[in-house]
C-alpha atoms as a PDB file:
ATOM      1  CA  UNK A   1       6.863  63.223 -48.627  1.00  0.00           C
ATOM      2  CA  UNK A   2       6.212  63.356 -44.194  1.00  0.00           C
ATOM      3  CA  UNK A   3       5.469  59.795 -42.894  1.00  0.00           C
ATOM      4  CA  UNK A   4       1.859  61.077 -42.352  1.00  0.00           C
ATOM      5  CA  UNK A   5       1.584  62.663 -45.660  1.00  0.00           C
ATOM      6  CA  UNK A   6       2.399  59.518 -46.895  1.00  0.00           C
ATOM      7  CA  UNK A   7      -0.157  57.113 -44.995  1.00  0.00           C
ATOM      8  CA  UNK A   8      -2.596  60.330 -45.747  1.00  0.00           C
ATOM      9  CA  UNK A   9      -2.328  59.700 -49.178  1.00  0.00           C
ATOM     10  CA  UNK A  10      -2.607  55.602 -49.141  1.00  0.00           C
ATOM     11  CA  UNK A  11      -5.915  55.607 -47.021  1.00  0.00           C
ATOM     12  CA  UNK A  12      -7.768  57.965 -49.590  1.00  0.00           C
ATOM     13  CA  UNK A  13      -6.502  55.394 -52.326  1.00  0.00           C
ATOM     14  CA  UNK A  14      -7.477  52.425 -50.126  1.00  0.00           C
ATOM     15  CA  UNK A  15     -10.849  54.492 -49.910  1.00  0.00           C
ATOM     16  CA  UNK A  16     -11.525  55.302 -53.881  1.00  0.00           C
ATOM     17  CA  UNK A  17     -13.883  53.873 -56.578  1.00  0.00           C
ATOM     18  CA  UNK A  18     -11.568  51.619 -57.564  1.00  0.00           C
ATOM     19  CA  UNK A  19     -13.261  51.198 -61.281  1.00  0.00           C
ATOM     20  CA  UNK A  20     -11.500  55.086 -61.534  1.00  0.00           C
ATOM     21  CA  UNK A  21      -9.770  56.185 -64.376  1.00  0.00           C
ATOM     22  CA  UNK A  22      -7.015  56.904 -62.816  1.00  0.00           C
ATOM     23  CA  UNK A  23      -3.573  55.221 -64.317  1.00  0.00           C
ATOM     24  CA  UNK A  24      -2.321  52.246 -62.484  1.00  0.00           C
ATOM     25  CA  UNK A  25       1.289  53.192 -59.953  1.00  0.00           C
ATOM     26  CA  UNK A  26       4.565  51.936 -61.468  1.00  0.00           C
ATOM     27  CA  UNK A  27       6.969  50.411 -59.018  1.00  0.00           C
ATOM     28  CA  UNK A  28      11.201  51.056 -59.410  1.00  0.00           C
ATOM     29  CA  UNK A  29      12.982  52.433 -62.213  1.00  0.00           C
ATOM     30  CA  UNK A  30      14.697  49.592 -64.410  1.00  0.00           C
ATOM     31  CA  UNK A  31      12.716  47.531 -63.479  1.00  0.00           C
ATOM     32  CA  UNK A  32      11.033  44.222 -65.966  1.00  0.00           C
ATOM     33  CA  UNK A  33       7.394  45.400 -64.087  1.00  0.00           C
ATOM     34  CA  UNK A  34       5.336  42.653 -66.896  1.00  0.00           C
ATOM     35  CA  UNK A  35       6.862  39.684 -64.700  1.00  0.00           C
ATOM     36  CA  UNK A  36       6.411  40.819 -61.104  1.00  0.00           C
ATOM     37  CA  UNK A  37       3.474  40.138 -59.329  1.00  0.00           C
ATOM     38  CA  UNK A  38       2.957  43.774 -58.981  1.00  0.00           C
ATOM     39  CA  UNK A  39       4.116  44.740 -61.944  1.00  0.00           C
ATOM     40  CA  UNK A  40       1.830  42.845 -63.490  1.00  0.00           C
ATOM     41  CA  UNK A  41      -0.614  45.364 -66.052  1.00  0.00           C
ATOM     42  CA  UNK A  42      -3.460  43.230 -67.824  1.00  0.00           C
ATOM     43  CA  UNK A  43      -4.677  43.801 -71.200  1.00  0.00           C
ATOM     44  CA  UNK A  44      -7.702  42.872 -71.551  1.00  0.00           C
ATOM     45  CA  UNK A  45      -8.320  39.862 -74.664  1.00  0.00           C
ATOM     46  CA  UNK A  46     -10.668  40.483 -77.496  1.00  0.00           C
ATOM     47  CA  UNK A  47     -12.860  38.984 -79.039  1.00  0.00           C
ATOM     48  CA  UNK A  48     -13.234  35.791 -80.647  1.00  0.00           C
ATOM     49  CA  UNK A  49     -16.310  35.743 -82.144  1.00  0.00           C
ATOM     50  CA  UNK A  50     -18.453  38.638 -84.027  1.00  0.00           C
ATOM     51  CA  UNK A  51     -20.627  39.668 -81.719  1.00  0.00           C
ATOM     52  CA  UNK A  52     -23.532  40.140 -84.238  1.00  0.00           C
ATOM     53  CA  UNK A  53     -23.313  36.699 -84.956  1.00  0.00           C
ATOM     54  CA  UNK A  54     -24.826  35.010 -81.862  1.00  0.00           C
ATOM     55  CA  UNK A  55     -27.829  33.881 -80.959  1.00  0.00           C
ATOM     56  CA  UNK A  56     -30.128  35.538 -79.080  1.00  0.00           C
ATOM     57  CA  UNK A  57     -27.682  37.622 -77.913  1.00  0.00           C
ATOM     58  CA  UNK A  58     -27.721  40.691 -78.904  1.00  0.00           C
ATOM     59  CA  UNK A  59     -24.181  42.482 -80.653  1.00  0.00           C
ATOM     60  CA  UNK A  60     -24.875  45.745 -77.818  1.00  0.00           C
ATOM     61  CA  UNK A  61     -25.293  43.601 -75.290  1.00  0.00           C
ATOM     62  CA  UNK A  62     -22.255  42.046 -75.899  1.00  0.00           C
ATOM     63  CA  UNK A  63     -20.402  45.115 -76.526  1.00  0.00           C
ATOM     64  CA  UNK A  64     -21.012  46.157 -72.612  1.00  0.00           C
ATOM     65  CA  UNK A  65     -20.423  43.346 -71.198  1.00  0.00           C
ATOM     66  CA  UNK A  66     -17.144  43.427 -72.427  1.00  0.00           C
ATOM     67  CA  UNK A  67     -15.965  47.032 -72.755  1.00  0.00           C
ATOM     68  CA  UNK A  68     -17.997  47.950 -68.916  1.00  0.00           C
ATOM     69  CA  UNK A  69     -17.258  44.951 -67.065  1.00  0.00           C
ATOM     70  CA  UNK A  70     -14.539  42.781 -68.988  1.00  0.00           C
ATOM     71  CA  UNK A  71     -12.864  45.635 -69.604  1.00  0.00           C
ATOM     72  CA  UNK A  72     -13.179  47.513 -65.950  1.00  0.00           C
ATOM     73  CA  UNK A  73     -12.163  44.803 -64.255  1.00  0.00           C
ATOM     74  CA  UNK A  74      -9.084  44.520 -65.644  1.00  0.00           C
ATOM     75  CA  UNK A  75      -8.288  48.562 -65.232  1.00  0.00           C
ATOM     76  CA  UNK A  76      -9.478  47.708 -61.972  1.00  0.00           C
ATOM     77  CA  UNK A  77      -7.270  45.267 -61.996  1.00  0.00           C
ATOM     78  CA  UNK A  78      -4.273  47.114 -62.997  1.00  0.00           C
ATOM     79  CA  UNK A  79      -4.876  50.699 -60.800  1.00  0.00           C
ATOM     80  CA  UNK A  80      -5.084  47.679 -57.917  1.00  0.00           C
ATOM     81  CA  UNK A  81      -1.774  46.104 -58.678  1.00  0.00           C
ATOM     82  CA  UNK A  82       0.251  49.734 -58.917  1.00  0.00           C
ATOM     83  CA  UNK A  83      -1.374  50.655 -56.064  1.00  0.00           C
ATOM     84  CA  UNK A  84      -0.480  47.803 -53.908  1.00  0.00           C
ATOM     85  CA  UNK A  85       3.051  47.867 -55.305  1.00  0.00           C
ATOM     86  CA  UNK A  86       3.068  50.783 -53.890  1.00  0.00           C
ATOM     87  CA  UNK A  87       1.761  50.014 -50.310  1.00  0.00           C
ATOM     88  CA  UNK A  88       4.036  46.683 -50.153  1.00  0.00           C
ATOM     89  CA  UNK A  89       7.018  49.204 -50.443  1.00  0.00           C
ATOM     90  CA  UNK A  90       6.066  51.068 -46.957  1.00  0.00           C
ATOM     91  CA  UNK A  91       6.611  50.106 -44.172  1.00  0.00           C
ATOM     92  CA  UNK A  92       3.990  52.630 -42.233  1.00  0.00           C
ATOM     93  CA  UNK A  93       1.277  51.301 -44.828  1.00  0.00           C
ATOM     94  CA  UNK A  94      -1.458  49.583 -42.479  1.00  0.00           C
ATOM     95  CA  UNK A  95      -2.350  46.016 -42.483  1.00  0.00           C
ATOM     96  CA  UNK A  96      -6.011  45.972 -43.010  1.00  0.00           C
ATOM     97  CA  UNK A  97      -5.788  48.919 -45.619  1.00  0.00           C
ATOM     98  CA  UNK A  98      -3.245  46.359 -47.831  1.00  0.00           C
ATOM     99  CA  UNK A  99      -6.076  43.319 -47.097  1.00  0.00           C
ATOM    100  CA  UNK A 100      -8.509  45.970 -48.173  1.00  0.00           C
ATOM    101  CA  UNK A 101      -6.498  46.350 -51.663  1.00  0.00           C
ATOM    102  CA  UNK A 102      -6.141  42.373 -52.004  1.00  0.00           C
ATOM    103  CA  UNK A 103      -9.369  41.975 -51.482  1.00  0.00           C
ATOM    104  CA  UNK A 104     -10.298  44.148 -54.418  1.00  0.00           C
ATOM    105  CA  UNK A 105      -7.167  42.219 -56.190  1.00  0.00           C
ATOM    106  CA  UNK A 106      -9.369  38.641 -55.052  1.00  0.00           C
ATOM    107  CA  UNK A 107     -12.501  40.308 -56.592  1.00  0.00           C
ATOM    108  CA  UNK A 108     -11.033  41.775 -60.108  1.00  0.00           C
ATOM    109  CA  UNK A 109      -9.078  38.738 -61.147  1.00  0.00           C
ATOM    110  CA  UNK A 110     -11.742  36.606 -60.378  1.00  0.00           C
ATOM    111  CA  UNK A 111     -13.748  38.729 -62.818  1.00  0.00           C
ATOM    112  CA  UNK A 112     -11.103  38.892 -65.148  1.00  0.00           C
ATOM    113  CA  UNK A 113      -9.981  35.397 -65.411  1.00  0.00           C
ATOM    114  CA  UNK A 114     -14.006  34.318 -65.756  1.00  0.00           C
ATOM    115  CA  UNK A 115     -14.700  36.966 -67.727  1.00  0.00           C
ATOM    116  CA  UNK A 116     -12.639  35.733 -71.076  1.00  0.00           C
ATOM    117  CA  UNK A 117     -13.615  32.113 -69.702  1.00  0.00           C
ATOM    118  CA  UNK A 118     -17.126  32.761 -70.368  1.00  0.00           C
ATOM    119  CA  UNK A 119     -16.166  34.994 -74.027  1.00  0.00           C
ATOM    120  CA  UNK A 120     -13.894  32.206 -75.038  1.00  0.00           C
ATOM    121  CA  UNK A 121     -16.623  29.327 -74.397  1.00  0.00           C
ATOM    122  CA  UNK A 122     -18.786  31.461 -76.007  1.00  0.00           C
ATOM    123  CA  UNK A 123     -19.607  32.096 -80.669  1.00  0.00           C
ATOM    124  CA  UNK A 124     -20.179  28.722 -81.559  1.00  0.00           C
ATOM    125  CA  UNK A 125     -22.918  26.453 -82.515  1.00  0.00           C
ATOM    126  CA  UNK A 126     -24.057  24.440 -79.218  1.00  0.00           C
ATOM    127  CA  UNK A 127     -23.845  21.412 -80.304  1.00  0.00           C
ATOM    128  CA  UNK A 128     -22.260  19.312 -78.429  1.00  0.00           C
ATOM    129  CA  UNK A 129     -19.514  16.320 -80.007  1.00  0.00           C
ATOM    130  CA  UNK A 130     -20.807  12.587 -79.450  1.00  0.00           C
ATOM    131  CA  UNK A 131     -16.845  12.558 -77.599  1.00  0.00           C
ATOM    132  CA  UNK A 132     -17.641  14.885 -75.146  1.00  0.00           C
ATOM    133  CA  UNK A 133     -21.401  13.685 -74.711  1.00  0.00           C
ATOM    134  CA  UNK A 134     -20.490  10.661 -73.769  1.00  0.00           C
ATOM    135  CA  UNK A 135     -17.854  11.956 -71.119  1.00  0.00           C
ATOM    136  CA  UNK A 136     -20.427  14.398 -69.974  1.00  0.00           C
ATOM    137  CA  UNK A 137     -22.929  11.141 -69.304  1.00  0.00           C
ATOM    138  CA  UNK A 138     -19.414   9.249 -67.372  1.00  0.00           C
ATOM    139  CA  UNK A 139     -19.556  11.827 -64.917  1.00  0.00           C
ATOM    140  CA  UNK A 140     -23.596  12.664 -64.564  1.00  0.00           C
ATOM    141  CA  UNK A 141     -25.186   9.968 -65.924  1.00  0.00           C
ATOM    142  CA  UNK A 142     -26.537  10.602 -68.930  1.00  0.00           C
ATOM    143  CA  UNK A 143     -25.272  14.071 -71.093  1.00  0.00           C
ATOM    144  CA  UNK A 144     -29.525  15.056 -69.565  1.00  0.00           C
ATOM    145  CA  UNK A 145     -28.337  15.060 -66.346  1.00  0.00           C
ATOM    146  CA  UNK A 146     -25.470  17.063 -66.491  1.00  0.00           C
ATOM    147  CA  UNK A 147     -27.373  19.933 -69.003  1.00  0.00           C
ATOM    148  CA  UNK A 148     -30.367  19.825 -66.023  1.00  0.00           C
ATOM    149  CA  UNK A 149     -28.403  20.486 -63.450  1.00  0.00           C
ATOM    150  CA  UNK A 150     -26.337  22.850 -64.581  1.00  0.00           C
ATOM    151  CA  UNK A 151     -29.571  24.877 -66.689  1.00  0.00           C
ATOM    152  CA  UNK A 152     -30.975  25.100 -62.851  1.00  0.00           C
ATOM    153  CA  UNK A 153     -27.808  26.511 -60.935  1.00  0.00           C
ATOM    154  CA  UNK A 154     -28.176  28.750 -63.176  1.00  0.00           C
ATOM    155  CA  UNK A 155     -32.027  29.334 -62.749  1.00  0.00           C
ATOM    156  CA  UNK A 156     -31.191  29.857 -58.736  1.00  0.00           C
ATOM    157  CA  UNK A 157     -28.565  32.096 -59.449  1.00  0.00           C
ATOM    158  CA  UNK A 158     -30.942  34.164 -61.492  1.00  0.00           C
ATOM    159  CA  UNK A 159     -31.558  37.878 -60.592  1.00  0.00           C
ATOM    160  CA  UNK A 160     -28.135  38.225 -58.553  1.00  0.00           C
ATOM    161  CA  UNK A 161     -24.275  37.193 -59.175  1.00  0.00           C
ATOM    162  CA  UNK A 162     -22.575  34.709 -59.589  1.00  0.00           C
ATOM    163  CA  UNK A 163     -21.416  31.871 -62.204  1.00  0.00           C
ATOM    164  CA  UNK A 164     -21.728  28.760 -63.126  1.00  0.00           C
ATOM    165  CA  UNK A 165     -18.900  26.149 -63.770  1.00  0.00           C
ATOM    166  CA  UNK A 166     -18.631  23.394 -65.000  1.00  0.00           C
ATOM    167  CA  UNK A 167     -14.740  22.212 -63.467  1.00  0.00           C
ATOM    168  CA  UNK A 168     -12.520  19.133 -62.946  1.00  0.00           C
ATOM    169  CA  UNK A 169     -12.156  19.231 -59.304  1.00  0.00           C
ATOM    170  CA  UNK A 170      -7.890  17.725 -59.618  1.00  0.00           C
ATOM    171  CA  UNK A 171      -7.530  16.346 -56.113  1.00  0.00           C
ATOM    172  CA  UNK A 172     -11.141  14.718 -56.112  1.00  0.00           C
ATOM    173  CA  UNK A 173     -10.966  13.282 -59.713  1.00  0.00           C
ATOM    174  CA  UNK A 174     -14.271  15.090 -60.574  1.00  0.00           C
ATOM    175  CA  UNK A 175     -15.801  16.737 -63.248  1.00  0.00           C
ATOM    176  CA  UNK A 176     -18.604  18.933 -61.225  1.00  0.00           C
ATOM    177  CA  UNK A 177     -20.891  21.746 -61.299  1.00  0.00           C
ATOM    178  CA  UNK A 178     -20.342  24.806 -59.507  1.00  0.00           C
ATOM    179  CA  UNK A 179     -22.224  26.935 -57.998  1.00  0.00           C
ATOM    180  CA  UNK A 180     -20.267  30.620 -57.445  1.00  0.00           C
ATOM    181  CA  UNK A 181     -21.820  33.354 -55.684  1.00  0.00           C
ATOM    182  CA  UNK A 182     -19.094  35.809 -56.182  1.00  0.00           C
ATOM    183  CA  UNK A 183     -15.943  36.239 -58.130  1.00  0.00           C
ATOM    184  CA  UNK A 184     -14.260  34.586 -55.165  1.00  0.00           C
ATOM    185  CA  UNK A 185     -16.018  32.216 -54.566  1.00  0.00           C
ATOM    186  CA  UNK A 186     -13.802  29.672 -56.740  1.00  0.00           C
ATOM    187  CA  UNK A 187     -14.042  25.989 -56.118  1.00  0.00           C
ATOM    188  CA  UNK A 188     -10.281  24.886 -54.994  1.00  0.00           C
ATOM    189  CA  UNK A 189      -7.887  23.074 -57.084  1.00  0.00           C
ATOM    190  CA  UNK A 190     -11.023  22.806 -60.124  1.00  0.00           C
ATOM    191  CA  UNK A 191     -10.552  23.882 -63.425  1.00  0.00           C
ATOM    192  CA  UNK A 192     -13.357  25.456 -65.234  1.00  0.00           C
ATOM    193  CA  UNK A 193     -14.592  23.888 -68.458  1.00  0.00           C
ATOM    194  CA  UNK A 194     -17.632  25.447 -69.246  1.00  0.00           C
ATOM    195  CA  UNK A 195     -18.349  28.658 -67.339  1.00  0.00           C
ATOM    196  CA  UNK A 196     -21.020  30.595 -67.517  1.00  0.00           C
ATOM    197  CA  UNK A 197     -22.435  34.734 -66.708  1.00  0.00           C
ATOM    198  CA  UNK A 198     -24.516  35.041 -64.160  1.00  0.00           C
ATOM    199  CA  UNK A 199     -24.755  38.500 -62.877  1.00  0.00           C
ATOM    200  CA  UNK A 200     -27.238  40.697 -64.351  1.00  0.00           C
ATOM    201  CA  UNK A 201     -25.217  42.341 -66.568  1.00  0.00           C
ATOM    202  CA  UNK A 202     -24.793  39.566 -68.431  1.00  0.00           C
ATOM    203  CA  UNK A 203     -28.698  39.305 -69.636  1.00  0.00           C
ATOM    204  CA  UNK A 204     -30.811  42.156 -68.533  1.00  0.00           C
ATOM    205  CA  UNK A 205     -30.281  44.251 -71.390  1.00  0.00           C
ATOM    206  CA  UNK A 206     -31.972  41.095 -73.951  1.00  0.00           C
ATOM    207  CA  UNK A 207     -34.012  39.850 -71.388  1.00  0.00           C
ATOM    208  CA  UNK A 208     -35.162  41.464 -68.315  1.00  0.00           C
ATOM    209  CA  UNK A 209     -35.606  39.399 -64.651  1.00  0.00           C
ATOM    210  CA  UNK A 210     -36.035  36.021 -67.105  1.00  0.00           C
ATOM    211  CA  UNK A 211     -33.194  34.346 -66.646  1.00  0.00           C
ATOM    212  CA  UNK A 212     -34.492  31.548 -68.578  1.00  0.00           C
ATOM    213  CA  UNK A 213     -33.986  32.803 -71.498  1.00  0.00           C
ATOM    214  CA  UNK A 214     -30.624  34.010 -71.342  1.00  0.00           C
ATOM    215  CA  UNK A 215     -29.557  30.678 -70.223  1.00  0.00           C
ATOM    216  CA  UNK A 216     -31.364  28.783 -73.456  1.00  0.00           C
ATOM    217  CA  UNK A 217     -29.509  30.855 -75.783  1.00  0.00           C
ATOM    218  CA  UNK A 218     -26.023  30.899 -73.816  1.00  0.00           C
ATOM    219  CA  UNK A 219     -26.697  26.948 -74.556  1.00  0.00           C
ATOM    220  CA  UNK A 220     -27.228  28.051 -78.213  1.00  0.00           C
ATOM    221  CA  UNK A 221     -24.468  29.649 -78.216  1.00  0.00           C
ATOM    222  CA  UNK A 222     -21.183  27.741 -76.395  1.00  0.00           C
ATOM    223  CA  UNK A 223     -18.010  27.078 -77.731  1.00  0.00           C
ATOM    224  CA  UNK A 224     -18.353  23.310 -77.115  1.00  0.00           C
ATOM    225  CA  UNK A 225     -14.286  23.335 -79.194  1.00  0.00           C
ATOM    226  CA  UNK A 226     -13.422  25.462 -76.247  1.00  0.00           C
ATOM    227  CA  UNK A 227     -14.785  23.464 -73.729  1.00  0.00           C
ATOM    228  CA  UNK A 228     -12.794  20.395 -75.712  1.00  0.00           C
ATOM    229  CA  UNK A 229      -9.535  22.188 -75.109  1.00  0.00           C
ATOM    230  CA  UNK A 230     -10.032  22.326 -71.573  1.00  0.00           C
ATOM    231  CA  UNK A 231     -10.520  19.147 -70.408  1.00  0.00           C
END
């Protein structure tokens, strides 16, 4: 392949929709690609709960969310990694093309990780243990003060996109609620503890524009045991 043809291929690859069905490109023959940054391929994590068991969130919505949004992000991330592998190996790849792929990698990685945290903290009875309530009260004054703020952030994101994350900031040594506008806006040096998806795909099928009702349903299904393990 000539340099001109190769450059054209790379530029065209960066411009196509990353949610297509194309297979990710593989790197050098004989190398264990699962252990490299370029070659790692992510497999979607199955739901840890029966989607029929949730209260106020339909099986149809959960399946659509998992299959289309989360699994779609996983496929897109794998495709981007393949494109990055090829672009990195070509010295003629323009930096702006390469950075476009890196931006997509950041977005898709955030989507995959946040969705996995979200699904993993669903499937419970929504009842926080006395120990967890005490720990949250220690950071927010009262458990109710924490919940009120968490819900308010979610309501503010209703009708748009983003995430609400209760996280522990290791640098500040604080347990705080965070507003995330998208998949790429995670707070620095923070471990997510509880994650709520506020993209419309997380609730529109069941609740239309009534984001507050979805937030009620989310709280009714929190798997607090998973939250405790993250703490």
